[in-house]
C-alpha cells in the first residue's frame, strides 16, 4: 500500500473541510453584521426622536389657525429643534356644459405650488413632560395664510370675457370644443354657424353634409372630407355661444380653486438627527 499517497489524500480532505468551515464562519459573521439594524440604530447618534401627532380638524378657513396635538421623546433626552412644516397643493376643477344636448366636459388637476417650508417653531420645555404618556406634549396651533382662500365661479348670468379667460385657460376651452365636436349633430352646427351668426354661407354649409332618407325620416351626416372645415369654423364661434343656456339664461360653466396642505411635525434631537412625523392633509376652505 502506498502510505505517502494515502497521507496526501487524508490531508487534502481535512484541508478542504477546514476551508469550508472558515468560509462558513466568515459568511455568518458578514450576514450578522449587515442584517442587524438594531445594532445600527442603537449606536450613539443614530436614533431619531419618536413623534406622534394629530390634527383633530382637517378643514380650515384661510387666515385661521390649525390646532394640533403632539407627543415626542428621544433616547438622548435633548432637543435642538421643534417645528411644523407643510407644502401646498393647488386643486383646480373645471366643468363646462353645452346646454342643447347636455354634453358636459370636466377636468380636474392638482399641482405642487409650494415646497415643504417651515411654518412655525416651538421651544422645548421640560415642564411639558407627561408622566402618564411618558413623553413631552405640545398642544398648540399653526397659521394658514389668507392667500390660500378658495375660489368658486359658477353659472354666471353675465359673461365677462377677461375674467373668463383668466379662470378658464385656453387649453381647457380647446379640449372642450374638441371633445364636443363628435357630439354635435346637423342642427347644432346650423345654429352655431348659420342661424345665430353668419360664419358660413348656407349653400356652402349644406355641402358639408350627406342626406339619407330612411322611411319617413331624413338623416344629415357629415361628409368625411368636411370634418376639418367644420372644426375650423367652430374656432370662429365665440366661446360664450357654446355654454350659454338660453332657457335658464346663464352660462353653464363651473370653476373651483382650492388648496390642500400636507403638514408634518419636524424634530431634531441633541445628536442633530432629524425625524418627520406622518403627513396630515388639511383642506383650506
Protein backbone atom coordinates (compact mmCIF):
# COMPACT_ATOMS: atom_id res chain seq x y z
CA UNK A 1 0.00 0.00 0.00
CA UNK A 2 1.29 3.49 -0.92
CA UNK A 3 1.43 5.22 2.52
CA UNK A 4 2.53 8.55 1.10
CA UNK A 5 -0.42 8.67 -1.31
CA UNK A 6 -2.90 7.84 1.49
CA UNK A 7 -1.44 10.55 3.71
CA UNK A 8 -1.77 13.13 0.94
CA UNK A 9 -5.40 12.10 0.31
CA UNK A 10 -6.35 12.46 4.01
CA UNK A 11 -4.51 15.75 4.30
CA UNK A 12 -6.27 17.16 1.26
CA UNK A 13 -9.64 16.06 2.62
CA UNK A 14 -9.03 17.65 6.01
CA UNK A 15 -7.82 20.86 4.41
CA UNK A 16 -10.98 21.05 2.29
CA UNK A 17 -13.19 20.60 5.37
CA UNK A 18 -11.19 23.24 7.20
CA UNK A 19 -11.56 25.67 4.28
CA UNK A 20 -15.35 25.13 4.12
CA UNK A 21 -15.62 25.76 7.87
CA UNK A 22 -13.63 29.01 7.65
CA UNK A 23 -15.72 30.31 4.73
CA UNK A 24 -18.96 29.45 6.58
CA UNK A 25 -17.84 31.36 9.68
CA UNK A 26 -16.90 34.39 7.61
CA UNK A 27 -20.25 34.36 5.76
CA UNK A 28 -22.16 34.05 9.04
CA UNK A 29 -20.24 36.94 10.55
CA UNK A 30 -20.82 39.09 7.48
CA UNK A 31 -24.53 38.23 7.43
CA UNK A 32 -24.97 39.17 11.07
CA UNK A 33 -23.15 42.46 10.55
CA UNK A 34 -25.26 43.52 7.53
CA UNK A 35 -28.67 42.44 8.83
CA UNK A 36 -28.52 43.84 12.34
CA UNK A 37 -30.47 47.10 12.09
CA UNK A 38 -30.90 47.22 15.86
CA UNK A 39 -27.14 47.49 16.29
CA UNK A 40 -27.05 50.32 13.76
CA UNK A 41 -29.80 52.50 15.24
CA UNK A 42 -28.68 51.77 18.79
CA UNK A 43 -25.26 53.24 18.10
CA UNK A 44 -24.81 56.68 19.71
CA UNK A 45 -26.09 59.47 17.43
CA UNK A 46 -28.13 57.25 15.10
CA UNK A 47 -31.52 57.05 16.79
CA UNK A 48 -34.01 59.79 15.90
CA UNK A 49 -36.66 61.14 18.24
CA UNK A 50 -40.07 59.48 18.16
CA UNK A 51 -43.12 61.55 17.21
CA UNK A 52 -46.86 61.13 17.42
CA UNK A 53 -49.11 63.96 16.33
CA UNK A 54 -52.76 64.54 15.48
CA UNK A 55 -54.77 67.28 13.79
CA UNK A 56 -58.37 66.92 15.07
CA UNK A 57 -59.96 69.26 12.48
CA UNK A 58 -58.62 68.96 8.92
CA UNK A 59 -60.88 71.58 7.28
CA UNK A 60 -59.87 75.18 7.97
CA UNK A 61 -60.71 78.59 6.54
CA UNK A 62 -57.85 80.63 5.10
CA UNK A 63 -56.48 83.08 7.67
CA UNK A 64 -57.37 80.85 10.62
CA UNK A 65 -55.26 78.60 12.85
CA UNK A 66 -54.95 74.82 12.77
CA UNK A 67 -54.82 73.20 16.19
CA UNK A 68 -52.73 70.10 16.79
CA UNK A 69 -51.55 67.71 19.50
CA UNK A 70 -48.04 66.24 19.50
CA UNK A 71 -46.08 63.79 21.66
CA UNK A 72 -42.34 63.35 21.29
CA UNK A 73 -39.42 61.72 23.09
CA UNK A 74 -35.79 60.86 22.40
CA UNK A 75 -33.31 58.46 23.99
CA UNK A 76 -30.79 61.30 24.36
CA UNK A 77 -33.44 63.47 26.08
CA UNK A 78 -32.22 66.52 24.19
CA UNK A 79 -33.98 68.58 21.51
CA UNK A 80 -32.45 71.16 19.18
CA UNK A 81 -35.49 71.91 17.02
CA UNK A 82 -39.29 71.54 17.03
CA UNK A 83 -41.50 72.88 14.26
CA UNK A 84 -44.43 72.45 11.87
CA UNK A 85 -43.74 72.35 8.14
CA UNK A 86 -46.07 71.94 5.18
CA UNK A 87 -46.17 72.02 1.39
CA UNK A 88 -49.16 73.27 -0.62
CA UNK A 89 -51.08 71.69 -3.50
CA UNK A 90 -53.41 73.74 -5.70
CA UNK A 91 -56.51 71.83 -6.84
CA UNK A 92 -58.46 73.06 -9.88
CA UNK A 93 -61.75 71.74 -11.22
CA UNK A 94 -63.43 72.77 -14.48
CA UNK A 95 -66.94 71.88 -15.64
CA UNK A 96 -68.26 73.14 -18.97
CA UNK A 97 -71.64 72.21 -20.47
CA UNK A 98 -73.15 72.56 -23.94
CA UNK A 99 -76.84 73.05 -22.96
CA UNK A 100 -78.59 72.00 -26.22
CA UNK A 101 -77.58 68.35 -25.81
CA UNK A 102 -76.33 68.37 -22.20
CA UNK A 103 -72.78 67.33 -23.04
CA UNK A 104 -70.54 68.11 -20.05
CA UNK A 105 -66.77 68.29 -20.02
CA UNK A 106 -64.95 68.04 -16.66
CA UNK A 107 -61.28 68.33 -15.88
CA UNK A 108 -59.51 68.09 -12.52
CA UNK A 109 -55.91 69.00 -11.89
CA UNK A 110 -53.58 69.18 -8.90
CA UNK A 111 -50.10 70.67 -8.72
CA UNK A 112 -47.50 71.38 -6.06
CA UNK A 113 -47.24 75.17 -5.75
CA UNK A 114 -45.16 75.44 -2.57
CA UNK A 115 -42.37 73.15 -1.44
CA UNK A 116 -42.10 71.90 2.15
CA UNK A 117 -41.42 75.04 4.23
CA UNK A 118 -41.13 75.91 7.90
CA UNK A 119 -44.38 77.42 9.17
CA UNK A 120 -43.94 77.74 12.94
CA UNK A 121 -41.32 76.72 15.51
CA UNK A 122 -41.72 75.75 19.15
CA UNK A 123 -39.47 75.76 22.22
CA UNK A 124 -38.82 72.55 24.11
CA UNK A 125 -39.71 72.74 27.80
CA UNK A 126 -39.15 70.14 30.49
CA UNK A 127 -42.45 71.26 32.02
CA UNK A 128 -44.25 69.72 29.05
CA UNK A 129 -43.38 66.21 30.17
CA UNK A 130 -46.44 64.00 30.64
CA UNK A 131 -45.73 61.20 33.11
CA UNK A 132 -48.76 59.18 32.02
CA UNK A 133 -47.74 59.16 28.34
CA UNK A 134 -44.01 59.15 29.18
CA UNK A 135 -43.45 61.82 26.55
CA UNK A 136 -43.29 65.56 26.09
CA UNK A 137 -46.60 67.03 24.92
CA UNK A 138 -47.37 70.14 22.86
CA UNK A 139 -50.92 71.36 22.23
CA UNK A 140 -50.71 74.41 20.01
CA UNK A 141 -51.60 75.75 16.55
CA UNK A 142 -50.08 76.99 13.30
CA UNK A 143 -51.36 79.59 10.78
CA UNK A 144 -52.91 79.29 7.33
CA UNK A 145 -52.37 82.28 5.04
CA UNK A 146 -55.25 84.38 3.68
CA UNK A 147 -53.67 83.97 0.24
CA UNK A 148 -54.82 80.34 0.22
CA UNK A 149 -58.52 81.23 0.09
CA UNK A 150 -60.65 79.04 -2.16
CA UNK A 151 -62.39 80.45 -5.24
CA UNK A 152 -65.64 79.44 -6.95
CA UNK A 153 -67.13 80.64 -10.25
CA UNK A 154 -70.48 79.03 -11.02
CA UNK A 155 -73.07 79.61 -13.77
CA UNK A 156 -72.75 83.41 -14.08
CA UNK A 157 -75.68 85.27 -15.63
CA UNK A 158 -73.33 87.68 -17.42
CA UNK A 159 -70.23 86.89 -19.41
CA UNK A 160 -67.03 88.76 -18.56
CA UNK A 161 -64.56 87.82 -21.29
CA UNK A 162 -61.45 88.98 -19.43
CA UNK A 163 -62.40 87.24 -16.19
CA UNK A 164 -63.43 84.09 -18.02
CA UNK A 165 -60.11 83.90 -19.88
CA UNK A 166 -58.22 84.27 -16.61
CA UNK A 167 -60.13 81.46 -14.93
CA UNK A 168 -60.58 79.05 -17.85
CA UNK A 169 -57.27 78.56 -19.70
CA UNK A 170 -57.12 78.28 -23.47
CA UNK A 171 -56.14 74.59 -23.36
CA UNK A 172 -59.25 73.76 -21.31
CA UNK A 173 -61.52 75.57 -23.77
CA UNK A 174 -59.81 73.86 -26.69
CA UNK A 175 -60.28 70.41 -25.12
CA UNK A 176 -63.96 71.16 -24.52
CA UNK A 177 -64.62 72.13 -28.16
CA UNK A 178 -62.55 69.24 -29.47
CA UNK A 179 -64.45 66.71 -27.34
CA UNK A 180 -67.78 68.36 -28.13
CA UNK A 181 -67.36 68.08 -31.91
CA UNK A 182 -68.38 64.38 -32.27
CA UNK A 183 -71.43 65.06 -30.05
CA UNK A 184 -72.85 67.71 -32.39
CA UNK A 185 -75.50 66.97 -35.00
CA UNK A 186 -76.60 68.82 -38.13
CA UNK A 187 -78.94 71.19 -36.27
CA UNK A 188 -76.25 72.13 -33.73
CA UNK A 189 -73.84 73.08 -36.50
CA UNK A 190 -76.54 75.05 -38.33
CA UNK A 191 -77.44 77.03 -35.21
CA UNK A 192 -73.82 77.81 -34.35
CA UNK A 193 -72.56 78.59 -37.85
CA UNK A 194 -75.55 79.85 -39.87
CA UNK A 195 -78.64 80.76 -37.84
CA UNK A 196 -77.17 82.64 -34.86
CA UNK A 197 -74.18 84.08 -36.71
CA UNK A 198 -73.32 84.04 -40.39
CA UNK A 199 -69.95 82.33 -40.23
CA UNK A 200 -70.69 80.09 -43.24
CA UNK A 201 -72.96 80.72 -46.23
CA UNK A 202 -75.97 78.44 -46.27
CA UNK A 203 -75.13 76.88 -49.64
CA UNK A 204 -71.58 76.05 -48.55
CA UNK A 205 -72.84 74.74 -45.22
CA UNK A 206 -75.24 72.32 -46.88
CA UNK A 207 -72.38 70.90 -48.96
CA UNK A 208 -70.74 69.66 -45.77
CA UNK A 209 -73.49 67.08 -45.18
CA UNK A 210 -74.85 63.97 -46.83
CA UNK A 211 -78.60 63.35 -46.87
CA UNK A 212 -80.02 59.90 -46.15
CA UNK A 213 -83.74 59.11 -46.10
CA UNK A 214 -84.82 56.03 -44.19
CA UNK A 215 -88.57 55.52 -44.26
CA UNK A 216 -90.11 58.81 -43.28
CA UNK A 217 -87.00 60.10 -41.53
CA UNK A 218 -84.24 62.23 -43.01
CA UNK A 219 -80.71 62.00 -41.61
CA UNK A 220 -77.93 64.52 -42.22
CA UNK A 221 -74.41 63.25 -41.64
CA UNK A 222 -71.06 64.98 -42.01
CA UNK A 223 -69.13 64.14 -45.12
CA UNK A 224 -65.71 62.73 -44.10
CA UNK A 225 -63.87 65.36 -46.13
CA UNK A 226 -65.87 68.18 -44.46
CA UNK A 227 -64.85 67.44 -40.84
CA UNK A 228 -61.71 69.58 -40.85
CA UNK A 229 -63.58 72.57 -42.35
CA UNK A 230 -66.32 72.34 -39.74
CA UNK A 231 -63.75 72.15 -36.94
CA UNK A 232 -62.09 75.25 -38.35
CA UNK A 233 -65.42 77.11 -38.49
CA UNK A 234 -66.16 76.21 -34.86
CA UNK A 235 -63.00 78.04 -33.84
CA UNK A 236 -64.65 81.22 -35.14
CA UNK A 237 -67.62 80.84 -32.81
CA UNK A 238 -67.39 82.95 -29.63
CA UNK A 239 -66.82 80.57 -26.74
CA UNK A 240 -69.74 82.04 -24.83
CA UNK A 241 -72.09 80.65 -27.51
CA UNK A 242 -71.16 77.08 -26.64
CA UNK A 243 -72.04 77.36 -22.95
CA UNK A 244 -74.99 79.76 -22.89
CA UNK A 245 -78.18 78.21 -21.55
CA UNK A 246 -80.97 80.06 -23.37
CA UNK A 247 -83.76 78.56 -21.29
CA UNK A 248 -82.28 79.43 -17.90
CA UNK A 249 -80.30 82.42 -19.12
CA UNK A 250 -76.92 81.70 -17.61
CA UNK A 251 -73.54 80.48 -18.79
CA UNK A 252 -73.03 76.81 -17.94
CA UNK A 253 -69.53 76.95 -16.54
CA UNK A 254 -68.22 75.96 -13.11
CA UNK A 255 -64.73 76.54 -11.79
CA UNK A 256 -63.31 75.89 -8.34
CA UNK A 257 -59.84 76.54 -6.99
CA UNK A 258 -58.76 75.22 -3.61
CA UNK A 259 -55.64 74.43 -1.66
CA UNK A 260 -54.50 71.41 0.29
CA UNK A 261 -51.79 71.45 2.96
CA UNK A 262 -49.61 68.43 3.63
CA UNK A 263 -48.33 69.14 7.14
CA UNK A 264 -45.63 67.39 9.20
CA UNK A 265 -44.10 67.91 12.62
CA UNK A 266 -40.29 68.05 12.49
CA UNK A 267 -37.88 67.27 15.35
CA UNK A 268 -34.09 67.43 15.55
CA UNK A 269 -32.69 65.83 18.69
CA UNK A 270 -29.45 66.60 20.57
CA UNK A 271 -27.44 64.44 18.18
CA UNK A 272 -28.70 66.51 15.23
CA UNK A 273 -30.73 63.56 13.93
CA UNK A 274 -33.91 64.68 12.16
CA UNK A 275 -37.29 62.98 12.13
CA UNK A 276 -40.56 63.94 10.45
CA UNK A 277 -43.99 62.81 11.56
CA UNK A 278 -46.62 61.27 9.32
CA UNK A 279 -48.37 63.67 6.92
CA UNK A 280 -51.65 65.29 7.94
CA UNK A 281 -53.69 66.55 4.98
CA UNK A 282 -55.61 69.76 5.60
CA UNK A 283 -58.20 71.24 3.23
CA UNK A 284 -58.34 75.04 3.10
CA UNK A 285 -61.85 76.42 2.70
